């Protein structure tokens, strides 16, 4: 298994041609996390990645769902300063609310904790465990504190009308997708705030969604067979509309950097 500090990366939605969704935000996160991990990123990283896009071979069939991108690209920088770009096929998700299982979150020492580092095997293992147990995704907990999802960021609507997501200080990634949809959520009266997300908060939530560059926005129906709120409610509708907006206007090309 690679050591955490051997690379930093991010999964970015790709149209299969020359555009990346919210590329500026992803590159900013790569640079932030690289600094934490002690990795020197190339000065021209964004420009170099866009140059590579034009020669990438498609990894398979494009996802044709209206609420998802066609592909992902994994953009990373190794500890020796070399960058890489790997295209990835995106799976299609069901329209019905997803089922989740709770698993123990992997733990890393500070300051690696909460970065998009190279030792990502435990997240992939969590995904496989969820599938093996008949669930769609895994939600990762430290004791009764929700830290992250196996390929997504959780966001729940509490009874007070605020949408809460796990705190970076508790080990969660700083989600690019949540940052993209945050302005529109707040514009319709749903404040978005980080908080220590306890199991009690989740069980009393009005509803819960998960979101990510590849999956878009998905409603959560249950965790460990326990129903969570009322799926596909106000939060889901607002987050989905915000995500559709991003799929329309959030694409960046080489000429935009």
C-alpha atoms as a PDB file:
ATOM      1  CA  UNK A   1       0.000   0.000   0.000  1.00  0.00           C
ATOM      2  CA  UNK A   2       1.391   3.440  -0.896  1.00  0.00           C
ATOM      3  CA  UNK A   3       2.393   5.785   1.886  1.00  0.00           C
ATOM      4  CA  UNK A   4       0.017   8.730   2.430  1.00  0.00           C
ATOM      5  CA  UNK A   5       2.622  11.353   1.611  1.00  0.00           C
ATOM      6  CA  UNK A   6       3.582   9.730  -1.695  1.00  0.00           C
ATOM      7  CA  UNK A   7       0.888  11.580  -3.676  1.00  0.00           C
ATOM      8  CA  UNK A   8      -1.976  14.066  -3.554  1.00  0.00           C
ATOM      9  CA  UNK A   9      -4.959  13.912  -5.924  1.00  0.00           C
ATOM     10  CA  UNK A  10      -8.542  14.873  -6.752  1.00  0.00           C
ATOM     11  CA  UNK A  11     -11.322  13.352  -8.858  1.00  0.00           C
ATOM     12  CA  UNK A  12     -12.661  15.941 -11.307  1.00  0.00           C
ATOM     13  CA  UNK A  13     -15.740  15.685 -13.513  1.00  0.00           C
ATOM     14  CA  UNK A  14     -14.720  15.602 -17.202  1.00  0.00           C
ATOM     15  CA  UNK A  15     -16.865  16.024 -20.295  1.00  0.00           C
ATOM     16  CA  UNK A  16     -14.697  13.586 -22.272  1.00  0.00           C
ATOM     17  CA  UNK A  17     -13.261  16.419 -24.338  1.00  0.00           C
ATOM     18  CA  UNK A  18     -11.533  19.544 -23.078  1.00  0.00           C
ATOM     19  CA  UNK A  19     -13.584  20.740 -20.086  1.00  0.00           C
ATOM     20  CA  UNK A  20     -13.382  20.039 -16.355  1.00  0.00           C
ATOM     21  CA  UNK A  21     -16.050  20.948 -13.812  1.00  0.00           C
ATOM     22  CA  UNK A  22     -14.900  23.424 -11.142  1.00  0.00           C
ATOM     23  CA  UNK A  23     -11.303  22.786 -12.136  1.00  0.00           C
ATOM     24  CA  UNK A  24     -10.130  25.896 -10.282  1.00  0.00           C
ATOM     25  CA  UNK A  25     -11.554  24.624  -7.000  1.00  0.00           C
ATOM     26  CA  UNK A  26     -10.034  21.178  -7.471  1.00  0.00           C
ATOM     27  CA  UNK A  27      -6.599  22.584  -8.299  1.00  0.00           C
ATOM     28  CA  UNK A  28      -6.807  24.866  -5.279  1.00  0.00           C
ATOM     29  CA  UNK A  29      -7.551  21.860  -3.076  1.00  0.00           C
ATOM     30  CA  UNK A  30      -4.706  19.867  -4.606  1.00  0.00           C
ATOM     31  CA  UNK A  31      -2.298  22.717  -3.839  1.00  0.00           C
ATOM     32  CA  UNK A  32      -3.630  23.109  -0.271  1.00  0.00           C
ATOM     33  CA  UNK A  33      -3.390  19.416   0.505  1.00  0.00           C
ATOM     34  CA  UNK A  34      -0.006  19.125  -1.194  1.00  0.00           C
ATOM     35  CA  UNK A  35       1.326  21.807   1.139  1.00  0.00           C
ATOM     36  CA  UNK A  36       0.078  19.833   4.132  1.00  0.00           C
ATOM     37  CA  UNK A  37       1.609  16.620   2.787  1.00  0.00           C
ATOM     38  CA  UNK A  38       4.931  18.251   1.932  1.00  0.00           C
ATOM     39  CA  UNK A  39       4.565  17.717  -1.825  1.00  0.00           C
ATOM     40  CA  UNK A  40       5.801  20.326  -4.293  1.00  0.00           C
ATOM     41  CA  UNK A  41       3.271  20.790  -7.098  1.00  0.00           C
ATOM     42  CA  UNK A  42       4.314  22.000 -10.557  1.00  0.00           C
ATOM     43  CA  UNK A  43       3.821  25.714 -11.099  1.00  0.00           C
ATOM     44  CA  UNK A  44       1.974  25.000 -14.354  1.00  0.00           C
ATOM     45  CA  UNK A  45      -0.097  22.080 -13.092  1.00  0.00           C
ATOM     46  CA  UNK A  46      -3.482  23.292 -14.385  1.00  0.00           C
ATOM     47  CA  UNK A  47      -2.105  24.186 -17.816  1.00  0.00           C
ATOM     48  CA  UNK A  48      -0.294  20.849 -18.088  1.00  0.00           C
ATOM     49  CA  UNK A  49      -3.407  18.874 -17.148  1.00  0.00           C
ATOM     50  CA  UNK A  50      -5.536  20.627 -19.776  1.00  0.00           C
ATOM     51  CA  UNK A  51      -2.878  19.897 -22.397  1.00  0.00           C
ATOM     52  CA  UNK A  52      -3.040  16.191 -21.508  1.00  0.00           C
ATOM     53  CA  UNK A  53      -6.839  16.092 -21.761  1.00  0.00           C
ATOM     54  CA  UNK A  54      -6.804  16.459 -25.536  1.00  0.00           C
ATOM     55  CA  UNK A  55      -4.807  13.222 -25.919  1.00  0.00           C
ATOM     56  CA  UNK A  56      -6.603  11.090 -23.316  1.00  0.00           C
ATOM     57  CA  UNK A  57      -8.312   7.949 -24.543  1.00  0.00           C
ATOM     58  CA  UNK A  58     -11.842   7.499 -23.269  1.00  0.00           C
ATOM     59  CA  UNK A  59     -11.873   4.765 -20.598  1.00  0.00           C
ATOM     60  CA  UNK A  60     -15.199   3.304 -21.749  1.00  0.00           C
ATOM     61  CA  UNK A  61     -18.765   4.379 -22.357  1.00  0.00           C
ATOM     62  CA  UNK A  62     -19.732   7.861 -21.225  1.00  0.00           C
ATOM     63  CA  UNK A  63     -22.298   8.242 -18.461  1.00  0.00           C
ATOM     64  CA  UNK A  64     -25.331   9.715 -20.194  1.00  0.00           C
ATOM     65  CA  UNK A  65     -27.359  10.555 -17.065  1.00  0.00           C
ATOM     66  CA  UNK A  66     -28.509  14.166 -17.136  1.00  0.00           C
ATOM     67  CA  UNK A  67     -27.432  14.695 -13.517  1.00  0.00           C
ATOM     68  CA  UNK A  68     -23.915  13.313 -13.862  1.00  0.00           C
ATOM     69  CA  UNK A  69     -20.799  14.155 -15.833  1.00  0.00           C
ATOM     70  CA  UNK A  70     -19.649  11.915 -18.685  1.00  0.00           C
ATOM     71  CA  UNK A  71     -16.417  10.822 -16.942  1.00  0.00           C
ATOM     72  CA  UNK A  72     -14.045  11.583 -14.111  1.00  0.00           C
ATOM     73  CA  UNK A  73     -10.331  12.229 -14.328  1.00  0.00           C
ATOM     74  CA  UNK A  74      -8.057  11.533 -11.409  1.00  0.00           C
ATOM     75  CA  UNK A  75      -5.508  14.341 -11.308  1.00  0.00           C
ATOM     76  CA  UNK A  76      -2.609  13.807  -8.948  1.00  0.00           C
ATOM     77  CA  UNK A  77       0.921  14.845  -8.095  1.00  0.00           C
ATOM     78  CA  UNK A  78       3.491  12.381  -6.773  1.00  0.00           C
ATOM     79  CA  UNK A  79       5.996  13.235  -4.075  1.00  0.00           C
ATOM     80  CA  UNK A  80       8.710  13.606  -6.735  1.00  0.00           C
ATOM     81  CA  UNK A  81       6.693  16.396  -8.374  1.00  0.00           C
ATOM     82  CA  UNK A  82       5.424  14.369 -11.336  1.00  0.00           C
ATOM     83  CA  UNK A  83       1.753  14.791 -12.166  1.00  0.00           C
ATOM     84  CA  UNK A  84      -0.624  12.217 -13.634  1.00  0.00           C
ATOM     85  CA  UNK A  85      -4.081  12.218 -15.206  1.00  0.00           C
ATOM     86  CA  UNK A  86      -6.179   9.034 -15.271  1.00  0.00           C
ATOM     87  CA  UNK A  87      -9.651   8.880 -16.889  1.00  0.00           C
ATOM     88  CA  UNK A  88     -12.351   6.941 -15.032  1.00  0.00           C
ATOM     89  CA  UNK A  89     -15.785   5.626 -16.017  1.00  0.00           C
ATOM     90  CA  UNK A  90     -18.657   6.852 -13.828  1.00  0.00           C
ATOM     91  CA  UNK A  91     -21.340   4.411 -12.768  1.00  0.00           C
ATOM     92  CA  UNK A  92     -25.031   5.230 -13.126  1.00  0.00           C
ATOM     93  CA  UNK A  93     -26.946   5.543  -9.853  1.00  0.00           C
ATOM     94  CA  UNK A  94     -30.552   4.472  -9.230  1.00  0.00           C
ATOM     95  CA  UNK A  95     -33.247   7.103  -8.901  1.00  0.00           C
ATOM     96  CA  UNK A  96     -34.490   5.655  -5.602  1.00  0.00           C
ATOM     97  CA  UNK A  97     -32.920   6.744  -2.279  1.00  0.00           C
ATOM     98  CA  UNK A  98     -29.680   4.945  -1.529  1.00  0.00           C
ATOM     99  CA  UNK A  99     -29.065   2.520   1.299  1.00  0.00           C
ATOM    100  CA  UNK A 100     -25.931   2.983   3.392  1.00  0.00           C
ATOM    101  CA  UNK A 101     -24.055   0.976   5.974  1.00  0.00           C
ATOM    102  CA  UNK A 102     -21.908   2.387   8.749  1.00  0.00           C
ATOM    103  CA  UNK A 103     -18.267   1.370   8.943  1.00  0.00           C
ATOM    104  CA  UNK A 104     -15.313   2.446  11.036  1.00  0.00           C
ATOM    105  CA  UNK A 105     -13.442   5.318   9.438  1.00  0.00           C
ATOM    106  CA  UNK A 106      -9.770   4.799   8.684  1.00  0.00           C
ATOM    107  CA  UNK A 107      -7.530   6.938  10.859  1.00  0.00           C
ATOM    108  CA  UNK A 108      -4.356   8.752   9.958  1.00  0.00           C
ATOM    109  CA  UNK A 109      -2.086  10.942  12.026  1.00  0.00           C
ATOM    110  CA  UNK A 110      -2.163  14.711  11.754  1.00  0.00           C
ATOM    111  CA  UNK A 111      -1.660  16.482   9.425  1.00  0.00           C
ATOM    112  CA  UNK A 112      -2.394  13.727   6.878  1.00  0.00           C
ATOM    113  CA  UNK A 113      -5.882  13.348   8.304  1.00  0.00           C
ATOM    114  CA  UNK A 114      -8.452  15.149   6.152  1.00  0.00           C
ATOM    115  CA  UNK A 115      -6.299  15.334   3.003  1.00  0.00           C
ATOM    116  CA  UNK A 116      -6.714  13.607  -0.359  1.00  0.00           C
ATOM    117  CA  UNK A 117      -3.571  11.523   0.001  1.00  0.00           C
ATOM    118  CA  UNK A 118      -2.206   8.357  -1.622  1.00  0.00           C
ATOM    119  CA  UNK A 119      -3.278   5.755   0.961  1.00  0.00           C
ATOM    120  CA  UNK A 120      -6.876   5.621  -0.264  1.00  0.00           C
ATOM    121  CA  UNK A 121      -7.262   1.839  -0.125  1.00  0.00           C
ATOM    122  CA  UNK A 122      -9.453   1.845   3.022  1.00  0.00           C
ATOM    123  CA  UNK A 123     -12.032   4.006   1.225  1.00  0.00           C
ATOM    124  CA  UNK A 124     -12.113   1.616  -1.739  1.00  0.00           C
ATOM    125  CA  UNK A 125     -12.379  -1.313   0.671  1.00  0.00           C
ATOM    126  CA  UNK A 126     -15.319   0.380   2.399  1.00  0.00           C
ATOM    127  CA  UNK A 127     -17.067   0.733  -0.948  1.00  0.00           C
ATOM    128  CA  UNK A 128     -16.623  -2.971  -1.683  1.00  0.00           C
ATOM    129  CA  UNK A 129     -17.834  -3.902   1.796  1.00  0.00           C
ATOM    130  CA  UNK A 130     -20.998  -1.875   1.247  1.00  0.00           C
ATOM    131  CA  UNK A 131     -21.687  -3.626  -2.046  1.00  0.00           C
ATOM    132  CA  UNK A 132     -20.985  -7.052  -0.550  1.00  0.00           C
ATOM    133  CA  UNK A 133     -23.568  -6.296   2.155  1.00  0.00           C
ATOM    134  CA  UNK A 134     -26.233  -5.222  -0.312  1.00  0.00           C
ATOM    135  CA  UNK A 135     -25.854  -1.485   0.326  1.00  0.00           C
ATOM    136  CA  UNK A 136     -25.108   1.305  -2.116  1.00  0.00           C
ATOM    137  CA  UNK A 137     -22.511   3.208  -0.119  1.00  0.00           C
ATOM    138  CA  UNK A 138     -20.580   3.169   3.141  1.00  0.00           C
ATOM    139  CA  UNK A 139     -20.636   6.016   5.640  1.00  0.00           C
ATOM    140  CA  UNK A 140     -17.525   6.190   7.789  1.00  0.00           C
ATOM    141  CA  UNK A 141     -17.713   6.876  11.527  1.00  0.00           C
ATOM    142  CA  UNK A 142     -15.256   7.430  14.344  1.00  0.00           C
ATOM    143  CA  UNK A 143     -17.283   6.025  17.220  1.00  0.00           C
ATOM    144  CA  UNK A 144     -20.594   7.893  16.752  1.00  0.00           C
ATOM    145  CA  UNK A 145     -19.152  10.817  14.744  1.00  0.00           C
ATOM    146  CA  UNK A 146     -19.747  10.800  10.977  1.00  0.00           C
ATOM    147  CA  UNK A 147     -16.502  11.616   9.173  1.00  0.00           C
ATOM    148  CA  UNK A 148     -17.050  10.891   5.490  1.00  0.00           C
ATOM    149  CA  UNK A 149     -18.559   8.716   2.784  1.00  0.00           C
ATOM    150  CA  UNK A 150     -16.649   6.153   0.760  1.00  0.00           C
ATOM    151  CA  UNK A 151     -16.878   8.262  -2.414  1.00  0.00           C
ATOM    152  CA  UNK A 152     -19.024  11.179  -1.366  1.00  0.00           C
ATOM    153  CA  UNK A 153     -19.629  13.926   1.171  1.00  0.00           C
ATOM    154  CA  UNK A 154     -22.669  13.640   3.484  1.00  0.00           C
ATOM    155  CA  UNK A 155     -24.987  16.588   4.033  1.00  0.00           C
ATOM    156  CA  UNK A 156     -28.037  16.467   6.292  1.00  0.00           C
ATOM    157  CA  UNK A 157     -30.921  18.821   6.930  1.00  0.00           C
ATOM    158  CA  UNK A 158     -31.461  19.187  10.658  1.00  0.00           C
ATOM    159  CA  UNK A 159     -34.769  20.065  12.325  1.00  0.00           C
ATOM    160  CA  UNK A 160     -33.497  23.669  12.675  1.00  0.00           C
ATOM    161  CA  UNK A 161     -33.425  24.080   8.885  1.00  0.00           C
ATOM    162  CA  UNK A 162     -29.628  24.129   8.618  1.00  0.00           C
ATOM    163  CA  UNK A 163     -27.733  21.751   6.320  1.00  0.00           C
ATOM    164  CA  UNK A 164     -24.780  20.275   8.192  1.00  0.00           C
ATOM    165  CA  UNK A 165     -21.713  18.462   6.888  1.00  0.00           C
ATOM    166  CA  UNK A 166     -18.792  16.854   8.768  1.00  0.00           C
ATOM    167  CA  UNK A 167     -16.032  19.156   9.935  1.00  0.00           C
ATOM    168  CA  UNK A 168     -12.604  19.127   8.340  1.00  0.00           C
ATOM    169  CA  UNK A 169     -11.192  19.215  11.869  1.00  0.00           C
ATOM    170  CA  UNK A 170     -12.902  15.877  12.555  1.00  0.00           C
ATOM    171  CA  UNK A 171     -11.105  14.255   9.617  1.00  0.00           C
ATOM    172  CA  UNK A 172     -13.536  14.993   6.775  1.00  0.00           C
ATOM    173  CA  UNK A 173     -12.366  16.125   3.372  1.00  0.00           C
ATOM    174  CA  UNK A 174     -13.191  19.674   2.357  1.00  0.00           C
ATOM    175  CA  UNK A 175     -15.778  18.809  -0.288  1.00  0.00           C
ATOM    176  CA  UNK A 176     -15.523  20.621  -3.615  1.00  0.00           C
ATOM    177  CA  UNK A 177     -19.083  19.554  -4.478  1.00  0.00           C
ATOM    178  CA  UNK A 178     -20.565  21.029  -1.306  1.00  0.00           C
ATOM    179  CA  UNK A 179     -18.690  24.254  -1.965  1.00  0.00           C
ATOM    180  CA  UNK A 180     -20.146  24.358  -5.479  1.00  0.00           C
ATOM    181  CA  UNK A 181     -23.764  23.985  -4.378  1.00  0.00           C
ATOM    182  CA  UNK A 182     -23.475  26.004  -1.149  1.00  0.00           C
ATOM    183  CA  UNK A 183     -24.323  29.435  -2.689  1.00  0.00           C
ATOM    184  CA  UNK A 184     -27.599  28.244  -4.214  1.00  0.00           C
ATOM    185  CA  UNK A 185     -28.614  26.356  -1.080  1.00  0.00           C
ATOM    186  CA  UNK A 186     -28.074  29.439   1.034  1.00  0.00           C
ATOM    187  CA  UNK A 187     -29.880  31.600  -1.546  1.00  0.00           C
ATOM    188  CA  UNK A 188     -33.044  29.528  -0.994  1.00  0.00           C
ATOM    189  CA  UNK A 189     -32.775  29.743   2.777  1.00  0.00           C
ATOM    190  CA  UNK A 190     -30.764  26.626   3.669  1.00  0.00           C
ATOM    191  CA  UNK A 191     -27.620  27.668   5.554  1.00  0.00           C
ATOM    192  CA  UNK A 192     -24.714  25.231   5.106  1.00  0.00           C
ATOM    193  CA  UNK A 193     -22.452  24.724   8.117  1.00  0.00           C
ATOM    194  CA  UNK A 194     -19.750  22.300   9.306  1.00  0.00           C
ATOM    195  CA  UNK A 195     -20.466  20.551  12.591  1.00  0.00           C
ATOM    196  CA  UNK A 196     -19.528  17.488  14.614  1.00  0.00           C
ATOM    197  CA  UNK A 197     -22.145  15.161  13.131  1.00  0.00           C
ATOM    198  CA  UNK A 198     -23.270  12.719  15.779  1.00  0.00           C
ATOM    199  CA  UNK A 199     -25.386   9.636  15.281  1.00  0.00           C
ATOM    200  CA  UNK A 200     -28.188  11.285  17.268  1.00  0.00           C
ATOM    201  CA  UNK A 201     -28.257  14.213  14.818  1.00  0.00           C
ATOM    202  CA  UNK A 202     -28.413  11.823  11.868  1.00  0.00           C
ATOM    203  CA  UNK A 203     -31.275   9.799  13.320  1.00  0.00           C
ATOM    204  CA  UNK A 204     -33.365  12.918  13.963  1.00  0.00           C
ATOM    205  CA  UNK A 205     -32.501  14.608  10.630  1.00  0.00           C
ATOM    206  CA  UNK A 206     -35.257  15.776   8.300  1.00  0.00           C
ATOM    207  CA  UNK A 207     -33.354  14.215   5.416  1.00  0.00           C
ATOM    208  CA  UNK A 208     -29.873  13.374   4.243  1.00  0.00           C
ATOM    209  CA  UNK A 209     -28.045  13.474   0.928  1.00  0.00           C
ATOM    210  CA  UNK A 210     -24.581  12.576  -0.282  1.00  0.00           C
ATOM    211  CA  UNK A 211     -22.782  14.336  -3.086  1.00  0.00           C
ATOM    212  CA  UNK A 212     -19.615  14.063  -5.124  1.00  0.00           C
ATOM    213  CA  UNK A 213     -18.029  14.977  -8.435  1.00  0.00           C
ATOM    214  CA  UNK A 214     -18.887  11.617  -9.958  1.00  0.00           C
ATOM    215  CA  UNK A 215     -22.254  10.815  -8.399  1.00  0.00           C
ATOM    216  CA  UNK A 216     -23.821  14.264  -8.250  1.00  0.00           C
ATOM    217  CA  UNK A 217     -26.475  14.502  -5.513  1.00  0.00           C
ATOM    218  CA  UNK A 218     -28.164  11.365  -4.127  1.00  0.00           C
ATOM    219  CA  UNK A 219     -30.762  10.959  -1.413  1.00  0.00           C
ATOM    220  CA  UNK A 220     -30.064   8.628   1.495  1.00  0.00           C
ATOM    221  CA  UNK A 221     -32.984   6.413   2.465  1.00  0.00           C
ATOM    222  CA  UNK A 222     -31.484   4.373   5.271  1.00  0.00           C
ATOM    223  CA  UNK A 223     -28.368   3.663   7.276  1.00  0.00           C
ATOM    224  CA  UNK A 224     -27.982   0.112   8.586  1.00  0.00           C
ATOM    225  CA  UNK A 225     -31.642  -0.452   7.630  1.00  0.00           C
ATOM    226  CA  UNK A 226     -32.791   2.505   9.780  1.00  0.00           C
ATOM    227  CA  UNK A 227     -34.841   5.067   7.847  1.00  0.00           C
ATOM    228  CA  UNK A 228     -33.352   8.558   7.837  1.00  0.00           C
ATOM    229  CA  UNK A 229     -35.909  11.368   7.707  1.00  0.00           C
ATOM    230  CA  UNK A 230     -37.993  11.821   4.581  1.00  0.00           C
ATOM    231  CA  UNK A 231     -35.825  11.234   1.502  1.00  0.00           C
ATOM    232  CA  UNK A 232     -35.871  13.487  -1.579  1.00  0.00           C
ATOM    233  CA  UNK A 233     -37.322  16.424   0.349  1.00  0.00           C
ATOM    234  CA  UNK A 234     -36.415  20.104   0.441  1.00  0.00           C
ATOM    235  CA  UNK A 235     -32.654  19.582   0.775  1.00  0.00           C
ATOM    236  CA  UNK A 236     -32.510  17.057  -2.048  1.00  0.00           C
ATOM    237  CA  UNK A 237     -34.560  19.259  -4.363  1.00  0.00           C
ATOM    238  CA  UNK A 238     -32.491  22.371  -3.665  1.00  0.00           C
ATOM    239  CA  UNK A 239     -29.160  20.541  -3.866  1.00  0.00           C
ATOM    240  CA  UNK A 240     -30.162  18.830  -7.113  1.00  0.00           C
ATOM    241  CA  UNK A 241     -31.174  22.125  -8.702  1.00  0.00           C
ATOM    242  CA  UNK A 242     -27.883  23.658  -7.597  1.00  0.00           C
ATOM    243  CA  UNK A 243     -25.975  20.719  -9.071  1.00  0.00           C
ATOM    244  CA  UNK A 244     -27.834  20.981 -12.393  1.00  0.00           C
ATOM    245  CA  UNK A 245     -26.858  24.635 -12.469  1.00  0.00           C
ATOM    246  CA  UNK A 246     -23.226  23.714 -11.970  1.00  0.00           C
ATOM    247  CA  UNK A 247     -23.440  21.150 -14.786  1.00  0.00           C
ATOM    248  CA  UNK A 248     -24.605  23.970 -17.026  1.00  0.00           C
ATOM    249  CA  UNK A 249     -22.223  26.771 -16.086  1.00  0.00           C
ATOM    250  CA  UNK A 250     -19.390  25.306 -14.032  1.00  0.00           C
ATOM    251  CA  UNK A 251     -17.180  23.909 -16.794  1.00  0.00           C
ATOM    252  CA  UNK A 252     -13.690  25.292 -17.265  1.00  0.00           C
ATOM    253  CA  UNK A 253     -11.385  24.959 -20.276  1.00  0.00           C
ATOM    254  CA  UNK A 254      -7.721  25.789 -20.817  1.00  0.00           C
ATOM    255  CA  UNK A 255      -8.691  29.264 -21.959  1.00  0.00           C
ATOM    256  CA  UNK A 256     -10.226  30.014 -18.556  1.00  0.00           C
ATOM    257  CA  UNK A 257      -7.028  29.528 -16.530  1.00  0.00           C
END
